[in-house]
Amino acid sequence: MEISIFTDGGARRNPGPAAGGVIIRDKEGKIIFKNGFFFGIKTNNQAEYLALIEGLEAAKGLGATQIKCFLDSELIVKQLTKEYRVKNHDLKELYFKVMQIGGRFKNIVFLHIPRAENSEADALVNEVLDNSSKQKVVSS
């Protein structure tokens, strides 16, 4: 099964509260998965990787074999396509996790798209972050 994954991640106050958004479309362009995720306190780049990991895990659960991953983070795409080295220790762990999960698919490609073409995933990030900031923290 061929699918397209659109992911976005972001953190408010970098690092700060972080979230990711994932939209998965089938070959015809129909949305077959859509979800936002709260990641706790992370950096923007960590959130980008974590969103992609969530998307790849969801794709595996859907039975996907061929995947096009669309991200608006040029840095992450260039790291995943080996154009840039991953120097940050925390990002290296996430990079290797993406590579491990990605190896389970018949074919996977990582593509950079402009932020404007990733507005649905971006909206999920903001929705999760807006909702997480409204929750009261109860201390004992």
N, C-alpha and C. Protein backbone atom coordinates (compact mmCIF):
# COMPACT_ATOMS: atom_id res chain seq x y z
N MET A 1 0.85 -1.18 0.00
CA MET A 1 0.00 0.00 0.00
C MET A 1 0.89 1.24 0.00
N GLU A 2 0.59 2.17 -0.89
CA GLU A 2 1.32 3.43 -0.97
C GLU A 2 0.60 4.51 -0.17
N ILE A 3 1.37 5.25 0.62
CA ILE A 3 0.78 6.35 1.39
C ILE A 3 1.73 7.55 1.40
N SER A 4 1.17 8.67 1.79
CA SER A 4 1.94 9.89 2.03
C SER A 4 1.73 10.31 3.47
N ILE A 5 2.82 10.63 4.14
CA ILE A 5 2.76 11.09 5.53
C ILE A 5 3.20 12.54 5.57
N PHE A 6 2.38 13.39 6.16
CA PHE A 6 2.72 14.79 6.39
C PHE A 6 2.88 14.97 7.90
N THR A 7 4.07 15.37 8.33
CA THR A 7 4.30 15.55 9.77
C THR A 7 4.85 16.94 10.05
N ASP A 8 4.57 17.40 11.26
CA ASP A 8 5.12 18.66 11.73
C ASP A 8 5.31 18.55 13.23
N GLY A 9 6.30 19.21 13.73
CA GLY A 9 6.54 19.26 15.16
C GLY A 9 6.93 20.66 15.55
N GLY A 10 6.66 21.00 16.79
CA GLY A 10 7.01 22.33 17.26
C GLY A 10 7.04 22.39 18.77
N ALA A 11 7.80 23.37 19.25
CA ALA A 11 7.90 23.61 20.69
C ALA A 11 7.74 25.09 20.94
N ARG A 12 7.02 25.41 21.96
CA ARG A 12 6.89 26.81 22.38
C ARG A 12 7.95 27.06 23.44
N ARG A 13 8.74 28.11 23.22
CA ARG A 13 9.93 28.36 24.04
C ARG A 13 10.87 27.17 23.83
N ASN A 14 11.75 27.28 22.93
CA ASN A 14 12.58 26.18 22.46
C ASN A 14 13.80 25.98 23.36
N PRO A 15 13.89 24.96 24.25
CA PRO A 15 12.89 23.92 24.44
C PRO A 15 11.71 24.39 25.28
N GLY A 16 10.63 23.69 25.14
CA GLY A 16 9.42 24.00 25.86
C GLY A 16 8.37 22.95 25.57
N PRO A 17 7.12 23.23 25.93
CA PRO A 17 6.05 22.27 25.63
C PRO A 17 6.05 22.00 24.12
N ALA A 18 6.07 20.72 23.77
CA ALA A 18 6.22 20.33 22.36
C ALA A 18 5.12 19.37 21.93
N ALA A 19 4.82 19.42 20.65
CA ALA A 19 3.77 18.57 20.08
C ALA A 19 4.10 18.24 18.64
N GLY A 20 3.37 17.27 18.13
CA GLY A 20 3.52 16.89 16.73
C GLY A 20 2.17 16.63 16.10
N GLY A 21 2.13 16.78 14.80
CA GLY A 21 0.92 16.49 14.04
C GLY A 21 1.24 15.54 12.91
N VAL A 22 0.33 14.61 12.66
CA VAL A 22 0.52 13.61 11.61
C VAL A 22 -0.76 13.50 10.78
N ILE A 23 -0.60 13.60 9.48
CA ILE A 23 -1.69 13.36 8.52
C ILE A 23 -1.18 12.29 7.56
N ILE A 24 -1.94 11.22 7.41
CA ILE A 24 -1.58 10.18 6.45
C ILE A 24 -2.67 10.11 5.40
N ARG A 25 -2.23 10.13 4.15
CA ARG A 25 -3.15 10.07 3.01
C ARG A 25 -2.87 8.81 2.19
N ASP A 26 -3.95 8.23 1.65
CA ASP A 26 -3.77 7.07 0.77
C ASP A 26 -3.36 7.56 -0.63
N LYS A 27 -3.22 6.62 -1.54
CA LYS A 27 -2.75 6.94 -2.89
C LYS A 27 -3.67 7.93 -3.61
N GLU A 28 -4.95 7.92 -3.25
CA GLU A 28 -5.92 8.82 -3.88
C GLU A 28 -5.97 10.19 -3.18
N GLY A 29 -5.24 10.34 -2.09
CA GLY A 29 -5.23 11.61 -1.38
C GLY A 29 -6.20 11.71 -0.22
N LYS A 30 -6.93 10.64 0.05
CA LYS A 30 -7.90 10.62 1.14
C LYS A 30 -7.17 10.46 2.48
N ILE A 31 -7.58 11.25 3.48
CA ILE A 31 -6.98 11.14 4.80
C ILE A 31 -7.43 9.83 5.44
N ILE A 32 -6.44 9.00 5.82
CA ILE A 32 -6.74 7.72 6.47
C ILE A 32 -6.25 7.69 7.92
N PHE A 33 -5.51 8.71 8.33
CA PHE A 33 -5.06 8.85 9.72
C PHE A 33 -4.77 10.31 9.98
N LYS A 34 -5.18 10.78 11.15
CA LYS A 34 -4.95 12.18 11.52
C LYS A 34 -4.90 12.24 13.04
N ASN A 35 -3.77 12.74 13.59
CA ASN A 35 -3.68 12.81 15.04
C ASN A 35 -2.61 13.81 15.45
N GLY A 36 -2.79 14.36 16.63
CA GLY A 36 -1.80 15.23 17.25
C GLY A 36 -1.27 14.55 18.49
N PHE A 37 -0.04 14.87 18.87
CA PHE A 37 0.63 14.22 19.98
C PHE A 37 1.33 15.25 20.85
N PHE A 38 1.24 15.10 22.16
CA PHE A 38 1.97 15.97 23.08
C PHE A 38 3.22 15.22 23.53
N PHE A 39 4.37 15.89 23.46
CA PHE A 39 5.65 15.24 23.74
C PHE A 39 6.32 15.70 25.04
N GLY A 40 5.69 16.60 25.79
CA GLY A 40 6.34 17.13 26.99
C GLY A 40 7.30 18.24 26.62
N ILE A 41 8.35 18.39 27.38
CA ILE A 41 9.33 19.45 27.13
C ILE A 41 10.41 18.92 26.18
N LYS A 42 10.44 19.49 25.00
CA LYS A 42 11.39 19.09 23.94
C LYS A 42 11.80 20.32 23.14
N THR A 43 12.77 20.14 22.25
CA THR A 43 13.13 21.20 21.31
C THR A 43 12.27 21.07 20.05
N ASN A 44 12.31 22.08 19.20
CA ASN A 44 11.59 22.01 17.92
C ASN A 44 12.05 20.81 17.10
N ASN A 45 13.37 20.62 17.02
CA ASN A 45 13.88 19.53 16.19
C ASN A 45 13.52 18.17 16.76
N GLN A 46 13.55 18.03 18.07
CA GLN A 46 13.11 16.77 18.68
C GLN A 46 11.65 16.51 18.34
N ALA A 47 10.82 17.55 18.43
CA ALA A 47 9.40 17.39 18.11
C ALA A 47 9.20 16.99 16.65
N GLU A 48 10.00 17.54 15.74
CA GLU A 48 9.91 17.16 14.32
C GLU A 48 10.18 15.67 14.15
N TYR A 49 11.25 15.19 14.77
CA TYR A 49 11.58 13.76 14.69
C TYR A 49 10.51 12.89 15.34
N LEU A 50 10.05 13.30 16.52
CA LEU A 50 9.04 12.51 17.23
C LEU A 50 7.73 12.42 16.45
N ALA A 51 7.35 13.50 15.78
CA ALA A 51 6.14 13.47 14.94
C ALA A 51 6.32 12.47 13.80
N LEU A 52 7.49 12.48 13.18
CA LEU A 52 7.77 11.55 12.09
C LEU A 52 7.72 10.10 12.60
N ILE A 53 8.29 9.86 13.77
CA ILE A 53 8.26 8.51 14.35
C ILE A 53 6.82 8.07 14.58
N GLU A 54 5.99 8.95 15.11
CA GLU A 54 4.56 8.62 15.31
C GLU A 54 3.90 8.31 13.96
N GLY A 55 4.22 9.08 12.94
CA GLY A 55 3.65 8.85 11.62
C GLY A 55 4.08 7.51 11.02
N LEU A 56 5.35 7.17 11.19
CA LEU A 56 5.84 5.90 10.66
C LEU A 56 5.23 4.71 11.40
N GLU A 57 5.09 4.84 12.71
CA GLU A 57 4.45 3.77 13.48
C GLU A 57 2.99 3.59 13.04
N ALA A 58 2.29 4.69 12.83
CA ALA A 58 0.90 4.62 12.37
C ALA A 58 0.84 3.99 10.98
N ALA A 59 1.78 4.35 10.11
CA ALA A 59 1.81 3.80 8.75
C ALA A 59 2.01 2.29 8.79
N LYS A 60 2.89 1.83 9.68
CA LYS A 60 3.13 0.39 9.81
C LYS A 60 1.83 -0.30 10.25
N GLY A 61 1.14 0.31 11.20
CA GLY A 61 -0.12 -0.25 11.67
C GLY A 61 -1.19 -0.31 10.59
N LEU A 62 -1.09 0.59 9.62
CA LEU A 62 -2.05 0.61 8.51
C LEU A 62 -1.68 -0.37 7.41
N GLY A 63 -0.50 -0.99 7.51
CA GLY A 63 -0.07 -1.94 6.49
C GLY A 63 0.64 -1.31 5.30
N ALA A 64 1.13 -0.10 5.47
CA ALA A 64 1.81 0.58 4.37
C ALA A 64 3.12 -0.12 4.02
N THR A 65 3.47 -0.09 2.75
CA THR A 65 4.74 -0.66 2.31
C THR A 65 5.62 0.37 1.61
N GLN A 66 4.98 1.36 0.98
CA GLN A 66 5.71 2.41 0.27
C GLN A 66 5.25 3.76 0.80
N ILE A 67 6.23 4.56 1.23
CA ILE A 67 5.89 5.80 1.92
C ILE A 67 6.68 6.98 1.38
N LYS A 68 5.96 8.07 1.21
CA LYS A 68 6.58 9.38 0.97
C LYS A 68 6.31 10.21 2.22
N CYS A 69 7.37 10.68 2.85
CA CYS A 69 7.26 11.50 4.06
C CYS A 69 7.51 12.95 3.68
N PHE A 70 6.56 13.80 4.00
CA PHE A 70 6.65 15.23 3.69
C PHE A 70 6.82 16.00 4.99
N LEU A 71 7.92 16.74 5.11
CA LEU A 71 8.22 17.53 6.30
C LEU A 71 8.58 18.95 5.88
N ASP A 72 8.24 19.92 6.72
CA ASP A 72 8.64 21.30 6.40
C ASP A 72 9.96 21.68 7.09
N SER A 73 10.59 20.74 7.78
CA SER A 73 11.88 20.98 8.40
C SER A 73 12.98 20.56 7.43
N GLU A 74 13.61 21.55 6.83
CA GLU A 74 14.68 21.27 5.87
C GLU A 74 15.85 20.55 6.56
N LEU A 75 16.16 20.95 7.80
CA LEU A 75 17.24 20.32 8.54
C LEU A 75 17.00 18.82 8.70
N ILE A 76 15.82 18.45 9.16
CA ILE A 76 15.53 17.04 9.41
C ILE A 76 15.58 16.25 8.11
N VAL A 77 15.02 16.78 7.04
CA VAL A 77 15.04 16.09 5.75
C VAL A 77 16.48 15.91 5.28
N LYS A 78 17.30 16.94 5.40
CA LYS A 78 18.70 16.82 4.95
C LYS A 78 19.49 15.85 5.82
N GLN A 79 19.12 15.73 7.09
CA GLN A 79 19.77 14.73 7.93
C GLN A 79 19.33 13.33 7.51
N LEU A 80 18.04 13.16 7.25
CA LEU A 80 17.52 11.84 6.89
C LEU A 80 17.99 11.38 5.51
N THR A 81 18.28 12.31 4.62
CA THR A 81 18.78 11.97 3.29
C THR A 81 20.30 11.95 3.26
N LYS A 82 20.91 12.10 4.43
CA LYS A 82 22.36 12.02 4.63
C LYS A 82 23.14 13.15 3.95
N GLU A 83 22.43 14.24 3.65
CA GLU A 83 23.10 15.42 3.12
C GLU A 83 23.82 16.16 4.25
N TYR A 84 23.22 16.13 5.45
CA TYR A 84 23.82 16.70 6.66
C TYR A 84 24.08 15.57 7.65
N ARG A 85 25.15 15.74 8.42
CA ARG A 85 25.40 14.82 9.53
C ARG A 85 24.54 15.23 10.73
N VAL A 86 24.21 14.27 11.56
CA VAL A 86 23.47 14.56 12.79
C VAL A 86 24.51 14.67 13.90
N LYS A 87 24.70 15.88 14.42
CA LYS A 87 25.73 16.10 15.42
C LYS A 87 25.18 16.07 16.85
N ASN A 88 23.96 16.49 17.03
CA ASN A 88 23.35 16.55 18.36
C ASN A 88 23.03 15.15 18.87
N HIS A 89 23.48 14.84 20.08
CA HIS A 89 23.31 13.50 20.65
C HIS A 89 21.83 13.09 20.73
N ASP A 90 20.98 13.98 21.24
CA ASP A 90 19.56 13.65 21.37
C ASP A 90 18.91 13.40 20.01
N LEU A 91 19.31 14.18 19.01
CA LEU A 91 18.75 13.99 17.67
C LEU A 91 19.27 12.71 17.04
N LYS A 92 20.52 12.34 17.35
CA LYS A 92 21.08 11.10 16.79
C LYS A 92 20.23 9.90 17.18
N GLU A 93 19.82 9.85 18.45
CA GLU A 93 18.98 8.74 18.90
C GLU A 93 17.67 8.69 18.12
N LEU A 94 17.06 9.86 17.90
CA LEU A 94 15.80 9.92 17.16
C LEU A 94 16.02 9.58 15.69
N TYR A 95 17.12 10.05 15.13
CA TYR A 95 17.49 9.74 13.74
C TYR A 95 17.58 8.23 13.55
N PHE A 96 18.31 7.57 14.45
CA PHE A 96 18.48 6.11 14.33
C PHE A 96 17.15 5.38 14.50
N LYS A 97 16.28 5.91 15.33
CA LYS A 97 14.96 5.29 15.49
C LYS A 97 14.16 5.41 14.19
N VAL A 98 14.21 6.58 13.54
CA VAL A 98 13.53 6.75 12.25
C VAL A 98 14.10 5.77 11.23
N MET A 99 15.42 5.64 11.19
CA MET A 99 16.05 4.73 10.23
C MET A 99 15.65 3.28 10.51
N GLN A 100 15.57 2.93 11.78
CA GLN A 100 15.17 1.57 12.15
C GLN A 100 13.74 1.28 11.70
N ILE A 101 12.83 2.19 12.02
CA ILE A 101 11.43 2.00 11.62
C ILE A 101 11.31 2.05 10.10
N GLY A 102 12.01 2.99 9.49
CA GLY A 102 11.95 3.14 8.03
C GLY A 102 12.42 1.90 7.29
N GLY A 103 13.34 1.16 7.91
CA GLY A 103 13.85 -0.05 7.29
C GLY A 103 12.82 -1.16 7.17
N ARG A 104 11.70 -1.02 7.87
CA ARG A 104 10.64 -2.03 7.81
C ARG A 104 9.76 -1.90 6.56
N PHE A 105 9.95 -0.80 5.83
CA PHE A 105 9.11 -0.55 4.65
C PHE A 105 9.87 -0.93 3.38
N LYS A 106 9.11 -1.28 2.35
CA LYS A 106 9.70 -1.64 1.06
C LYS A 106 10.43 -0.43 0.45
N ASN A 107 9.81 0.74 0.58
CA ASN A 107 10.39 1.96 0.02
C ASN A 107 9.96 3.15 0.87
N ILE A 108 10.91 4.03 1.18
CA ILE A 108 10.59 5.23 1.95
C ILE A 108 11.44 6.38 1.44
N VAL A 109 10.82 7.53 1.26
CA VAL A 109 11.55 8.74 0.85
C VAL A 109 11.13 9.89 1.76
N PHE A 110 12.07 10.81 1.97
CA PHE A 110 11.85 11.98 2.81
C PHE A 110 11.96 13.21 1.93
N LEU A 111 10.91 14.03 1.94
CA LEU A 111 10.85 15.20 1.06
C LEU A 111 10.55 16.46 1.86
N HIS A 112 11.26 17.54 1.51
CA HIS A 112 11.00 18.83 2.14
C HIS A 112 9.92 19.56 1.36
N ILE A 113 8.96 20.12 2.09
CA ILE A 113 7.91 20.94 1.47
C ILE A 113 7.84 22.27 2.20
N PRO A 114 7.35 23.31 1.52
CA PRO A 114 7.18 24.60 2.20
C PRO A 114 6.14 24.48 3.33
N ARG A 115 6.31 25.30 4.34
CA ARG A 115 5.40 25.29 5.50
C ARG A 115 3.94 25.44 5.06
N ALA A 116 3.70 26.26 4.04
CA ALA A 116 2.33 26.50 3.57
C ALA A 116 1.67 25.22 3.05
N GLU A 117 2.47 24.26 2.58
CA GLU A 117 1.92 23.01 2.08
C GLU A 117 1.76 21.96 3.19
N ASN A 118 2.07 22.36 4.42
CA ASN A 118 1.98 21.44 5.55
C ASN A 118 1.06 22.01 6.64
N SER A 119 0.10 22.80 6.21
CA SER A 119 -0.73 23.54 7.17
C SER A 119 -1.62 22.62 8.02
N GLU A 120 -2.04 21.49 7.48
CA GLU A 120 -2.91 20.59 8.27
C GLU A 120 -2.15 20.00 9.46
N ALA A 121 -0.93 19.53 9.22
CA ALA A 121 -0.13 18.97 10.31
C ALA A 121 0.25 20.07 11.31
N ASP A 122 0.57 21.25 10.79
CA ASP A 122 0.90 22.38 11.66
C ASP A 122 -0.28 22.76 12.54
N ALA A 123 -1.48 22.73 11.99
CA ALA A 123 -2.67 23.05 12.78
C ALA A 123 -2.86 22.06 13.92
N LEU A 124 -2.55 20.79 13.69
CA LEU A 124 -2.64 19.79 14.76
C LEU A 124 -1.65 20.09 15.88
N VAL A 125 -0.45 20.51 15.52
CA VAL A 125 0.56 20.87 16.54
C VAL A 125 0.02 21.98 17.42
N ASN A 126 -0.48 23.03 16.79
CA ASN A 126 -0.98 24.18 17.55
C ASN A 126 -2.21 23.83 18.39
N GLU A 127 -3.07 22.98 17.86
CA GLU A 127 -4.26 22.55 18.60
C GLU A 127 -3.83 21.80 19.87
N VAL A 128 -2.88 20.89 19.75
CA VAL A 128 -2.41 20.13 20.92
C VAL A 128 -1.76 21.07 21.92
N LEU A 129 -0.91 21.99 21.44
CA LEU A 129 -0.24 22.91 22.37
C LEU A 129 -1.21 23.86 23.04
N ASP A 130 -2.20 24.34 22.29
CA ASP A 130 -3.22 25.22 22.88
C ASP A 130 -4.00 24.48 23.96
N ASN A 131 -4.37 23.24 23.69
CA ASN A 131 -5.14 22.46 24.66
C ASN A 131 -4.30 22.07 25.87
N SER A 132 -3.02 21.79 25.66
CA SER A 132 -2.19 21.39 26.79
C SER A 132 -1.95 22.57 27.73
N SER A 133 -1.93 23.78 27.21
CA SER A 133 -1.69 24.95 28.06
C SER A 133 -2.91 25.32 28.88
N LYS A 134 -4.09 24.81 28.50
CA LYS A 134 -5.32 25.11 29.23
C LYS A 134 -5.54 24.16 30.41
N GLN A 135 -4.77 23.06 30.40
CA GLN A 135 -4.94 22.10 31.50
C GLN A 135 -4.24 22.60 32.75
N LYS A 136 -4.91 22.43 33.87
CA LYS A 136 -4.32 22.83 35.15
C LYS A 136 -3.40 21.73 35.64
N VAL A 137 -2.28 22.14 36.18
CA VAL A 137 -1.37 21.19 36.78
C VAL A 137 -1.68 21.13 38.27
N VAL A 138 -1.96 19.95 38.75
CA VAL A 138 -2.31 19.76 40.15
C VAL A 138 -1.08 19.19 40.86
N SER A 139 -0.65 19.86 41.90
CA SER A 139 0.47 19.35 42.67
C SER A 139 -0.02 18.85 44.01
N SER A 140 0.64 17.83 44.52
CA SER A 140 0.21 17.27 45.82
C SER A 140 1.09 17.75 46.95
